[in-house]
């Protein structure tokens, strides 16, 4: 279906003022703002939108309190929109807009929207790292980040009653691919033939309704993950877990509790995959959350090299 990835995520929030402050500290650029909420953007133009929780313009919430209300997916061409609209109109109502974009609900009741992607291609300067026998950064200090500037949206994560329902809808109806799985518990799904390890991750939870877990933003490198996390800490925001590095997806991370309803994550250096990637199966366990983690408490037990060898 030529879906590229996440174009925008819209939240319904209880505290607009606090949410605005958080997203500004997070490093996003404000596009427009008012009593109704605000729109923020990453460097490539991918957006986070906040609206009042009781706004009639929003799809119904999947859970109580502040939470995600709609995920907008970008596609390559207008014909992709037509194909998607034809496919999804077989069993659900669509709201079609003048530019051809449209919105509806997925099979767990989450608002979804599709549009032709307007994201800008990023052209970052090559990162330089000195290694023994390979000094490439000479007479020049490394880049220092006093805060983070999110480059693009990476992925969204949801807890769901049955991940198979989500995998069936996004896989069979929208063409998503399974990159990796937690056996009988969850699946990492990617939208494109080439790109992020996952754009959507869903995992079974002991609940009757879905629950928003977190939204991840790519930054340039691990140093920016650290710089962003330190800045947020100084601003009084509470770290949830991190910094660390995931074992699955390889991404460096730092999560922070958010007034948007779940957590927001800085991530860097995640795996990029193609159709050559072989889907892996993992058993759920705290040792698979990360290769190493700080500030995690007793909930996450990062493994040692010795424990990995067992």
C-alpha atoms as a PDB file:
ATOM      1  CA  UNK A   1       0.000   0.000   0.000  1.00  0.00           C
ATOM      2  CA  UNK A   2       3.105   2.271  -0.042  1.00  0.00           C
ATOM      3  CA  UNK A   3       2.656   3.605   3.497  1.00  0.00           C
ATOM      4  CA  UNK A   4       5.870   5.384   4.472  1.00  0.00           C
ATOM      5  CA  UNK A   5       5.507   5.945   8.200  1.00  0.00           C
ATOM      6  CA  UNK A   6       3.993   8.225  10.815  1.00  0.00           C
ATOM      7  CA  UNK A   7       3.140  11.694   9.547  1.00  0.00           C
ATOM      8  CA  UNK A   8       1.458  13.049  12.696  1.00  0.00           C
ATOM      9  CA  UNK A   9       0.049  11.992  16.057  1.00  0.00           C
ATOM     10  CA  UNK A  10      -2.857  13.827  17.689  1.00  0.00           C
ATOM     11  CA  UNK A  11      -3.535  13.747  21.428  1.00  0.00           C
ATOM     12  CA  UNK A  12      -6.519  14.757  23.524  1.00  0.00           C
ATOM     13  CA  UNK A  13      -5.156  16.161  26.779  1.00  0.00           C
ATOM     14  CA  UNK A  14      -6.572  17.263  30.114  1.00  0.00           C
ATOM     15  CA  UNK A  15      -3.971  19.965  30.754  1.00  0.00           C
ATOM     16  CA  UNK A  16      -3.196  21.951  27.601  1.00  0.00           C
ATOM     17  CA  UNK A  17      -0.831  24.428  29.274  1.00  0.00           C
ATOM     18  CA  UNK A  18       1.306  21.695  30.834  1.00  0.00           C
ATOM     19  CA  UNK A  19       1.360  19.725  27.577  1.00  0.00           C
ATOM     20  CA  UNK A  20       2.536  22.806  25.667  1.00  0.00           C
ATOM     21  CA  UNK A  21       5.334  23.374  28.162  1.00  0.00           C
ATOM     22  CA  UNK A  22       6.432  19.754  27.920  1.00  0.00           C
ATOM     23  CA  UNK A  23       6.522  19.663  24.103  1.00  0.00           C
ATOM     24  CA  UNK A  24       8.449  22.933  23.990  1.00  0.00           C
ATOM     25  CA  UNK A  25      11.018  21.528  26.436  1.00  0.00           C
ATOM     26  CA  UNK A  26      11.055  18.313  24.405  1.00  0.00           C
ATOM     27  CA  UNK A  27      12.538  20.352  21.561  1.00  0.00           C
ATOM     28  CA  UNK A  28       9.709  20.490  19.021  1.00  0.00           C
ATOM     29  CA  UNK A  29       9.012  23.637  17.012  1.00  0.00           C
ATOM     30  CA  UNK A  30       5.609  25.221  17.550  1.00  0.00           C
ATOM     31  CA  UNK A  31       3.641  25.658  14.315  1.00  0.00           C
ATOM     32  CA  UNK A  32       0.495  27.223  15.705  1.00  0.00           C
ATOM     33  CA  UNK A  33      -1.060  27.573  19.126  1.00  0.00           C
ATOM     34  CA  UNK A  34      -4.223  28.761  20.820  1.00  0.00           C
ATOM     35  CA  UNK A  35      -6.749  27.946  23.529  1.00  0.00           C
ATOM     36  CA  UNK A  36      -7.770  24.875  21.520  1.00  0.00           C
ATOM     37  CA  UNK A  37      -4.275  23.346  21.762  1.00  0.00           C
ATOM     38  CA  UNK A  38      -1.204  23.504  19.530  1.00  0.00           C
ATOM     39  CA  UNK A  39       0.661  21.887  16.632  1.00  0.00           C
ATOM     40  CA  UNK A  40       4.363  21.063  16.928  1.00  0.00           C
ATOM     41  CA  UNK A  41       6.819  19.733  14.353  1.00  0.00           C
ATOM     42  CA  UNK A  42      10.055  17.769  14.152  1.00  0.00           C
ATOM     43  CA  UNK A  43      12.798  18.885  11.761  1.00  0.00           C
ATOM     44  CA  UNK A  44      11.393  16.797   8.884  1.00  0.00           C
ATOM     45  CA  UNK A  45       7.870  18.167   9.366  1.00  0.00           C
ATOM     46  CA  UNK A  46       6.305  15.212  11.172  1.00  0.00           C
ATOM     47  CA  UNK A  47       3.911  16.586  13.768  1.00  0.00           C
ATOM     48  CA  UNK A  48       2.500  16.219  17.253  1.00  0.00           C
ATOM     49  CA  UNK A  49      -0.868  17.891  17.776  1.00  0.00           C
ATOM     50  CA  UNK A  50      -2.576  18.476  21.114  1.00  0.00           C
ATOM     51  CA  UNK A  51      -6.246  19.289  21.562  1.00  0.00           C
ATOM     52  CA  UNK A  52      -8.580  19.568  24.528  1.00  0.00           C
ATOM     53  CA  UNK A  53      -9.622  16.136  25.726  1.00  0.00           C
ATOM     54  CA  UNK A  54     -13.322  16.923  25.183  1.00  0.00           C
ATOM     55  CA  UNK A  55     -12.864  18.414  21.693  1.00  0.00           C
ATOM     56  CA  UNK A  56     -15.610  17.219  19.357  1.00  0.00           C
ATOM     57  CA  UNK A  57     -13.148  17.210  16.480  1.00  0.00           C
ATOM     58  CA  UNK A  58     -11.337  14.195  17.916  1.00  0.00           C
ATOM     59  CA  UNK A  59     -12.127  10.497  17.563  1.00  0.00           C
ATOM     60  CA  UNK A  60     -13.366   8.838  20.742  1.00  0.00           C
ATOM     61  CA  UNK A  61     -10.582   7.968  23.223  1.00  0.00           C
ATOM     62  CA  UNK A  62      -9.345   4.405  23.590  1.00  0.00           C
ATOM     63  CA  UNK A  63      -8.835   4.927  27.345  1.00  0.00           C
ATOM     64  CA  UNK A  64      -9.649   7.348  30.150  1.00  0.00           C
ATOM     65  CA  UNK A  65      -7.617  10.534  30.603  1.00  0.00           C
ATOM     66  CA  UNK A  66      -5.103  12.159  28.284  1.00  0.00           C
ATOM     67  CA  UNK A  67      -4.117   9.852  25.455  1.00  0.00           C
ATOM     68  CA  UNK A  68      -3.473   9.441  21.731  1.00  0.00           C
ATOM     69  CA  UNK A  69      -6.580  10.022  19.627  1.00  0.00           C
ATOM     70  CA  UNK A  70      -5.378   9.721  16.042  1.00  0.00           C
ATOM     71  CA  UNK A  71      -2.309   8.533  14.150  1.00  0.00           C
ATOM     72  CA  UNK A  72      -1.759   9.933  10.656  1.00  0.00           C
ATOM     73  CA  UNK A  73       0.130   7.695   8.234  1.00  0.00           C
ATOM     74  CA  UNK A  74       1.858   9.141   5.183  1.00  0.00           C
ATOM     75  CA  UNK A  75       1.741   7.448   1.781  1.00  0.00           C
ATOM     76  CA  UNK A  76       3.793   7.997  -1.365  1.00  0.00           C
ATOM     77  CA  UNK A  77       1.171   9.016  -3.946  1.00  0.00           C
ATOM     78  CA  UNK A  78      -2.479  10.015  -4.321  1.00  0.00           C
ATOM     79  CA  UNK A  79      -3.264   6.692  -5.979  1.00  0.00           C
ATOM     80  CA  UNK A  80      -2.162   5.020  -2.747  1.00  0.00           C
ATOM     81  CA  UNK A  81      -4.832   7.019  -0.905  1.00  0.00           C
ATOM     82  CA  UNK A  82      -7.456   5.863  -3.396  1.00  0.00           C
ATOM     83  CA  UNK A  83      -6.405   2.236  -2.999  1.00  0.00           C
ATOM     84  CA  UNK A  84      -6.463   2.484   0.782  1.00  0.00           C
ATOM     85  CA  UNK A  85      -9.832   4.225   0.807  1.00  0.00           C
ATOM     86  CA  UNK A  86     -11.292   1.552  -1.463  1.00  0.00           C
ATOM     87  CA  UNK A  87      -9.924  -1.209   0.749  1.00  0.00           C
ATOM     88  CA  UNK A  88     -11.051   0.247   4.084  1.00  0.00           C
ATOM     89  CA  UNK A  89     -14.470   1.435   2.897  1.00  0.00           C
ATOM     90  CA  UNK A  90     -15.485  -2.210   2.506  1.00  0.00           C
ATOM     91  CA  UNK A  91     -16.250  -2.499   6.218  1.00  0.00           C
ATOM     92  CA  UNK A  92     -16.061   0.960   7.869  1.00  0.00           C
ATOM     93  CA  UNK A  93     -17.069   4.569   7.409  1.00  0.00           C
ATOM     94  CA  UNK A  94     -14.517   7.037   6.074  1.00  0.00           C
ATOM     95  CA  UNK A  95     -14.335  10.796   6.431  1.00  0.00           C
ATOM     96  CA  UNK A  96     -12.811  12.099   3.203  1.00  0.00           C
ATOM     97  CA  UNK A  97     -11.213  15.550   2.975  1.00  0.00           C
ATOM     98  CA  UNK A  98     -10.818  17.876  -0.026  1.00  0.00           C
ATOM     99  CA  UNK A  99      -7.154  16.969  -0.590  1.00  0.00           C
ATOM    100  CA  UNK A 100      -7.994  13.263  -0.799  1.00  0.00           C
ATOM    101  CA  UNK A 101      -6.799  12.398   2.691  1.00  0.00           C
ATOM    102  CA  UNK A 102      -9.244  10.490   4.853  1.00  0.00           C
ATOM    103  CA  UNK A 103      -9.777   9.291   8.400  1.00  0.00           C
ATOM    104  CA  UNK A 104     -11.443   6.302  10.012  1.00  0.00           C
ATOM    105  CA  UNK A 105     -10.915   3.874  12.915  1.00  0.00           C
ATOM    106  CA  UNK A 106      -8.723   0.785  13.091  1.00  0.00           C
ATOM    107  CA  UNK A 107      -9.888  -2.517  14.574  1.00  0.00           C
ATOM    108  CA  UNK A 108      -9.151  -1.512  18.188  1.00  0.00           C
ATOM    109  CA  UNK A 109     -11.016   1.794  17.892  1.00  0.00           C
ATOM    110  CA  UNK A 110      -8.014   4.086  17.457  1.00  0.00           C
ATOM    111  CA  UNK A 111      -8.409   7.002  15.080  1.00  0.00           C
ATOM    112  CA  UNK A 112      -6.260   6.683  11.961  1.00  0.00           C
ATOM    113  CA  UNK A 113      -5.770   9.061   9.064  1.00  0.00           C
ATOM    114  CA  UNK A 114      -3.966   8.768   5.722  1.00  0.00           C
ATOM    115  CA  UNK A 115      -2.437  11.529   3.604  1.00  0.00           C
ATOM    116  CA  UNK A 116       0.200  11.998   0.921  1.00  0.00           C
ATOM    117  CA  UNK A 117       3.435  12.477   2.813  1.00  0.00           C
ATOM    118  CA  UNK A 118       4.863  15.984   2.994  1.00  0.00           C
ATOM    119  CA  UNK A 119       7.891  15.087   5.087  1.00  0.00           C
ATOM    120  CA  UNK A 120      11.219  16.616   4.101  1.00  0.00           C
ATOM    121  CA  UNK A 121      14.247  14.461   3.358  1.00  0.00           C
ATOM    122  CA  UNK A 122      16.897  15.110   5.970  1.00  0.00           C
ATOM    123  CA  UNK A 123      20.520  15.670   4.981  1.00  0.00           C
ATOM    124  CA  UNK A 124      22.518  15.427   8.198  1.00  0.00           C
ATOM    125  CA  UNK A 125      26.240  15.984   8.370  1.00  0.00           C
ATOM    126  CA  UNK A 126      28.126  12.682   8.700  1.00  0.00           C
ATOM    127  CA  UNK A 127      28.835  11.813  12.328  1.00  0.00           C
ATOM    128  CA  UNK A 128      32.489  11.376  13.194  1.00  0.00           C
ATOM    129  CA  UNK A 129      33.822   8.994  15.809  1.00  0.00           C
ATOM    130  CA  UNK A 130      37.406   8.287  16.704  1.00  0.00           C
ATOM    131  CA  UNK A 131      38.257   4.636  17.211  1.00  0.00           C
ATOM    132  CA  UNK A 132      41.612   2.970  17.900  1.00  0.00           C
ATOM    133  CA  UNK A 133      43.449   2.896  14.592  1.00  0.00           C
ATOM    134  CA  UNK A 134      40.862   5.109  12.887  1.00  0.00           C
ATOM    135  CA  UNK A 135      41.029   8.739  13.962  1.00  0.00           C
ATOM    136  CA  UNK A 136      38.675  10.782  11.772  1.00  0.00           C
ATOM    137  CA  UNK A 137      37.916  13.717  14.083  1.00  0.00           C
ATOM    138  CA  UNK A 138      41.257  15.459  14.597  1.00  0.00           C
ATOM    139  CA  UNK A 139      41.824  18.855  16.232  1.00  0.00           C
ATOM    140  CA  UNK A 140      38.068  19.173  16.643  1.00  0.00           C
ATOM    141  CA  UNK A 141      35.957  18.462  19.750  1.00  0.00           C
ATOM    142  CA  UNK A 142      32.896  16.217  19.533  1.00  0.00           C
ATOM    143  CA  UNK A 143      29.456  17.768  19.137  1.00  0.00           C
ATOM    144  CA  UNK A 144      27.855  18.770  22.430  1.00  0.00           C
ATOM    145  CA  UNK A 145      24.078  18.959  22.777  1.00  0.00           C
ATOM    146  CA  UNK A 146      22.653  21.123  25.540  1.00  0.00           C
ATOM    147  CA  UNK A 147      19.178  19.836  24.573  1.00  0.00           C
ATOM    148  CA  UNK A 148      17.572  17.645  21.915  1.00  0.00           C
ATOM    149  CA  UNK A 149      16.003  18.636  18.611  1.00  0.00           C
ATOM    150  CA  UNK A 150      13.830  15.717  17.442  1.00  0.00           C
ATOM    151  CA  UNK A 151      14.445  15.006  13.775  1.00  0.00           C
ATOM    152  CA  UNK A 152      11.440  12.801  12.999  1.00  0.00           C
ATOM    153  CA  UNK A 153       8.787  10.571  14.538  1.00  0.00           C
ATOM    154  CA  UNK A 154       9.951   6.975  14.850  1.00  0.00           C
ATOM    155  CA  UNK A 155       7.217   4.747  16.274  1.00  0.00           C
ATOM    156  CA  UNK A 156       4.207   4.442  18.555  1.00  0.00           C
ATOM    157  CA  UNK A 157       3.582   1.698  21.123  1.00  0.00           C
ATOM    158  CA  UNK A 158       0.263   0.443  22.467  1.00  0.00           C
ATOM    159  CA  UNK A 159      -0.806  -2.138  25.009  1.00  0.00           C
ATOM    160  CA  UNK A 160      -3.738  -4.123  23.627  1.00  0.00           C
ATOM    161  CA  UNK A 161      -6.038  -6.987  24.704  1.00  0.00           C
ATOM    162  CA  UNK A 162      -5.029  -9.080  21.663  1.00  0.00           C
ATOM    163  CA  UNK A 163      -2.065  -8.159  19.461  1.00  0.00           C
ATOM    164  CA  UNK A 164      -3.241 -10.576  16.771  1.00  0.00           C
ATOM    165  CA  UNK A 165      -6.178  -8.279  15.978  1.00  0.00           C
ATOM    166  CA  UNK A 166      -3.768  -5.405  15.358  1.00  0.00           C
ATOM    167  CA  UNK A 167      -1.322  -7.510  13.348  1.00  0.00           C
ATOM    168  CA  UNK A 168      -4.151  -8.802  11.185  1.00  0.00           C
ATOM    169  CA  UNK A 169      -5.534  -5.330  10.436  1.00  0.00           C
ATOM    170  CA  UNK A 170      -2.244  -3.541   9.816  1.00  0.00           C
ATOM    171  CA  UNK A 171      -0.641  -6.511   8.103  1.00  0.00           C
ATOM    172  CA  UNK A 172      -3.432  -7.828   5.890  1.00  0.00           C
ATOM    173  CA  UNK A 173      -5.273  -4.565   5.246  1.00  0.00           C
ATOM    174  CA  UNK A 174      -2.446  -2.005   5.208  1.00  0.00           C
ATOM    175  CA  UNK A 175       0.583  -4.034   4.168  1.00  0.00           C
ATOM    176  CA  UNK A 176       2.674  -3.707   7.327  1.00  0.00           C
ATOM    177  CA  UNK A 177       5.404  -6.298   7.908  1.00  0.00           C
ATOM    178  CA  UNK A 178       6.400  -8.069  11.116  1.00  0.00           C
ATOM    179  CA  UNK A 179      10.041  -7.333  11.931  1.00  0.00           C
ATOM    180  CA  UNK A 180      10.189  -9.231  15.235  1.00  0.00           C
ATOM    181  CA  UNK A 181       7.772 -10.854  17.654  1.00  0.00           C
ATOM    182  CA  UNK A 182       7.391 -11.663  21.319  1.00  0.00           C
ATOM    183  CA  UNK A 183       6.029 -15.194  21.076  1.00  0.00           C
ATOM    184  CA  UNK A 184       2.286 -15.173  21.841  1.00  0.00           C
ATOM    185  CA  UNK A 185       2.601 -11.681  23.350  1.00  0.00           C
ATOM    186  CA  UNK A 186       3.382  -8.932  20.831  1.00  0.00           C
ATOM    187  CA  UNK A 187       4.653  -7.837  17.451  1.00  0.00           C
ATOM    188  CA  UNK A 188       6.929  -5.122  16.012  1.00  0.00           C
ATOM    189  CA  UNK A 189       5.414  -3.868  12.737  1.00  0.00           C
ATOM    190  CA  UNK A 190       7.031  -1.705  10.068  1.00  0.00           C
ATOM    191  CA  UNK A 191       5.211   0.209   7.350  1.00  0.00           C
ATOM    192  CA  UNK A 192       7.719   0.325   4.505  1.00  0.00           C
ATOM    193  CA  UNK A 193       9.906  -2.048   2.543  1.00  0.00           C
ATOM    194  CA  UNK A 194      12.872  -0.025   3.766  1.00  0.00           C
ATOM    195  CA  UNK A 195      13.039   1.875   7.021  1.00  0.00           C
ATOM    196  CA  UNK A 196      12.561   1.752  10.765  1.00  0.00           C
ATOM    197  CA  UNK A 197      12.795  -1.523  12.644  1.00  0.00           C
ATOM    198  CA  UNK A 198       9.206  -0.717  13.640  1.00  0.00           C
ATOM    199  CA  UNK A 199       6.670   2.062  13.253  1.00  0.00           C
ATOM    200  CA  UNK A 200       4.132   0.342  15.484  1.00  0.00           C
ATOM    201  CA  UNK A 201       4.645  -2.052  18.390  1.00  0.00           C
ATOM    202  CA  UNK A 202       1.727  -3.698  20.189  1.00  0.00           C
ATOM    203  CA  UNK A 203       1.852  -6.034  23.150  1.00  0.00           C
ATOM    204  CA  UNK A 204      -0.812  -7.860  25.089  1.00  0.00           C
ATOM    205  CA  UNK A 205      -1.789  -6.371  28.437  1.00  0.00           C
ATOM    206  CA  UNK A 206      -4.206  -7.619  31.068  1.00  0.00           C
ATOM    207  CA  UNK A 207      -6.965  -5.162  30.192  1.00  0.00           C
ATOM    208  CA  UNK A 208     -10.140  -5.043  28.150  1.00  0.00           C
ATOM    209  CA  UNK A 209      -9.215  -1.813  26.368  1.00  0.00           C
ATOM    210  CA  UNK A 210      -6.086  -0.588  24.571  1.00  0.00           C
ATOM    211  CA  UNK A 211      -3.669   1.710  26.350  1.00  0.00           C
ATOM    212  CA  UNK A 212      -1.188   4.189  24.901  1.00  0.00           C
ATOM    213  CA  UNK A 213       2.342   3.401  26.053  1.00  0.00           C
ATOM    214  CA  UNK A 214       4.740   5.789  24.322  1.00  0.00           C
ATOM    215  CA  UNK A 215       5.682   7.763  21.228  1.00  0.00           C
ATOM    216  CA  UNK A 216       9.316   7.756  20.055  1.00  0.00           C
ATOM    217  CA  UNK A 217      11.303  10.524  18.349  1.00  0.00           C
ATOM    218  CA  UNK A 218      14.560  10.052  16.477  1.00  0.00           C
ATOM    219  CA  UNK A 219      17.478  12.312  17.352  1.00  0.00           C
ATOM    220  CA  UNK A 220      20.890  12.397  15.700  1.00  0.00           C
ATOM    221  CA  UNK A 221      22.994  10.249  18.023  1.00  0.00           C
ATOM    222  CA  UNK A 222      23.341   8.913  21.539  1.00  0.00           C
ATOM    223  CA  UNK A 223      24.941  12.170  22.679  1.00  0.00           C
ATOM    224  CA  UNK A 224      21.739  14.004  21.760  1.00  0.00           C
ATOM    225  CA  UNK A 225      19.704  11.393  23.642  1.00  0.00           C
ATOM    226  CA  UNK A 226      21.800  12.205  26.715  1.00  0.00           C
ATOM    227  CA  UNK A 227      21.713  15.973  26.142  1.00  0.00           C
ATOM    228  CA  UNK A 228      17.951  15.949  25.721  1.00  0.00           C
ATOM    229  CA  UNK A 229      17.430  13.819  28.799  1.00  0.00           C
ATOM    230  CA  UNK A 230      19.656  16.013  30.938  1.00  0.00           C
ATOM    231  CA  UNK A 231      17.832  19.147  29.767  1.00  0.00           C
ATOM    232  CA  UNK A 232      14.409  17.683  30.598  1.00  0.00           C
ATOM    233  CA  UNK A 233      15.649  16.572  34.010  1.00  0.00           C
ATOM    234  CA  UNK A 234      16.866  20.105  34.757  1.00  0.00           C
ATOM    235  CA  UNK A 235      13.454  21.422  33.700  1.00  0.00           C
ATOM    236  CA  UNK A 236      11.793  19.216  36.289  1.00  0.00           C
ATOM    237  CA  UNK A 237      10.306  16.489  34.096  1.00  0.00           C
ATOM    238  CA  UNK A 238      10.396  12.958  35.450  1.00  0.00           C
ATOM    239  CA  UNK A 239      12.438  10.244  33.784  1.00  0.00           C
ATOM    240  CA  UNK A 240      10.607   6.949  33.316  1.00  0.00           C
ATOM    241  CA  UNK A 241      13.536   4.767  32.291  1.00  0.00           C
ATOM    242  CA  UNK A 242      16.930   5.363  30.712  1.00  0.00           C
ATOM    243  CA  UNK A 243      19.255   6.202  29.274  1.00  0.00           C
ATOM    244  CA  UNK A 244      19.862   2.791  27.807  1.00  0.00           C
ATOM    245  CA  UNK A 245      20.100   0.715  24.661  1.00  0.00           C
ATOM    246  CA  UNK A 246      17.459  -1.731  23.479  1.00  0.00           C
ATOM    247  CA  UNK A 247      18.449  -5.285  22.677  1.00  0.00           C
ATOM    248  CA  UNK A 248      15.623  -5.573  20.118  1.00  0.00           C
ATOM    249  CA  UNK A 249      15.937  -2.716  17.537  1.00  0.00           C
ATOM    250  CA  UNK A 250      19.396  -1.687  18.883  1.00  0.00           C
ATOM    251  CA  UNK A 251      18.161   1.875  19.572  1.00  0.00           C
ATOM    252  CA  UNK A 252      19.651   4.034  22.307  1.00  0.00           C
ATOM    253  CA  UNK A 253      16.810   5.497  24.372  1.00  0.00           C
ATOM    254  CA  UNK A 254      15.590   7.676  27.218  1.00  0.00           C
ATOM    255  CA  UNK A 255      11.902   7.757  28.219  1.00  0.00           C
ATOM    256  CA  UNK A 256      10.131  10.544  30.093  1.00  0.00           C
ATOM    257  CA  UNK A 257       6.697  10.643  31.680  1.00  0.00           C
ATOM    258  CA  UNK A 258       4.466  12.962  29.679  1.00  0.00           C
ATOM    259  CA  UNK A 259       1.276  14.966  30.336  1.00  0.00           C
ATOM    260  CA  UNK A 260       0.067  13.629  26.974  1.00  0.00           C
ATOM    261  CA  UNK A 261      -0.909  10.395  28.698  1.00  0.00           C
ATOM    262  CA  UNK A 262       1.996   7.971  28.331  1.00  0.00           C
ATOM    263  CA  UNK A 263       5.724   8.437  27.834  1.00  0.00           C
ATOM    264  CA  UNK A 264       7.785  10.106  25.132  1.00  0.00           C
ATOM    265  CA  UNK A 265      11.078   8.572  24.030  1.00  0.00           C
ATOM    266  CA  UNK A 266      14.245   9.980  22.533  1.00  0.00           C
ATOM    267  CA  UNK A 267      15.884   7.289  20.391  1.00  0.00           C
ATOM    268  CA  UNK A 268      18.920   7.044  18.130  1.00  0.00           C
ATOM    269  CA  UNK A 269      20.738   4.495  15.993  1.00  0.00           C
ATOM    270  CA  UNK A 270      17.860   2.049  15.619  1.00  0.00           C
ATOM    271  CA  UNK A 271      18.049  -0.820  13.148  1.00  0.00           C
ATOM    272  CA  UNK A 272      17.039  -0.043   9.560  1.00  0.00           C
ATOM    273  CA  UNK A 273      15.640  -3.058   7.748  1.00  0.00           C
ATOM    274  CA  UNK A 274      14.452  -4.259   4.345  1.00  0.00           C
ATOM    275  CA  UNK A 275      12.552  -7.296   3.122  1.00  0.00           C
ATOM    276  CA  UNK A 276      15.802  -9.254   3.518  1.00  0.00           C
ATOM    277  CA  UNK A 277      15.332  -9.082   7.306  1.00  0.00           C
ATOM    278  CA  UNK A 278      14.298 -12.380   8.861  1.00  0.00           C
ATOM    279  CA  UNK A 279      11.577 -12.046  11.502  1.00  0.00           C
ATOM    280  CA  UNK A 280      12.846 -13.153  14.905  1.00  0.00           C
ATOM    281  CA  UNK A 281      10.956 -14.659  17.857  1.00  0.00           C
ATOM    282  CA  UNK A 282      11.690 -13.716  21.478  1.00  0.00           C
ATOM    283  CA  UNK A 283      10.323 -14.795  24.822  1.00  0.00           C
ATOM    284  CA  UNK A 284       9.175 -11.902  27.004  1.00  0.00           C
ATOM    285  CA  UNK A 285      11.561 -11.092  29.841  1.00  0.00           C
ATOM    286  CA  UNK A 286      13.154  -8.053  31.508  1.00  0.00           C
ATOM    287  CA  UNK A 287      16.568  -9.016  30.116  1.00  0.00           C
ATOM    288  CA  UNK A 288      15.296  -8.383  26.571  1.00  0.00           C
ATOM    289  CA  UNK A 289      14.183  -4.822  27.261  1.00  0.00           C
ATOM    290  CA  UNK A 290      17.685  -3.482  27.014  1.00  0.00           C
ATOM    291  CA  UNK A 291      21.323  -4.284  26.525  1.00  0.00           C
ATOM    292  CA  UNK A 292      22.107  -1.792  29.291  1.00  0.00           C
ATOM    293  CA  UNK A 293      19.949   0.662  31.220  1.00  0.00           C
ATOM    294  CA  UNK A 294      20.353   3.381  33.834  1.00  0.00           C
ATOM    295  CA  UNK A 295      17.669   4.751  36.174  1.00  0.00           C
ATOM    296  CA  UNK A 296      15.467   1.719  35.595  1.00  0.00           C
ATOM    297  CA  UNK A 297      14.930   0.558  39.165  1.00  0.00           C
ATOM    298  CA  UNK A 298      14.154  -3.083  39.824  1.00  0.00           C
ATOM    299  CA  UNK A 299      11.583  -3.354  37.013  1.00  0.00           C
ATOM    300  CA  UNK A 300      14.179  -3.749  34.281  1.00  0.00           C
ATOM    301  CA  UNK A 301      17.191  -5.977  34.752  1.00  0.00           C
ATOM    302  CA  UNK A 302      19.663  -5.283  32.006  1.00  0.00           C
ATOM    303  CA  UNK A 303      21.715  -8.407  31.279  1.00  0.00           C
ATOM    304  CA  UNK A 304      25.452  -8.765  31.448  1.00  0.00           C
ATOM    305  CA  UNK A 305      27.558 -10.286  28.696  1.00  0.00           C
ATOM    306  CA  UNK A 306      27.817 -13.423  30.808  1.00  0.00           C
ATOM    307  CA  UNK A 307      24.048 -13.763  31.154  1.00  0.00           C
ATOM    308  CA  UNK A 308      23.617 -13.317  27.376  1.00  0.00           C
ATOM    309  CA  UNK A 309      26.008 -16.207  26.791  1.00  0.00           C
ATOM    310  CA  UNK A 310      23.913 -18.624  28.850  1.00  0.00           C
END
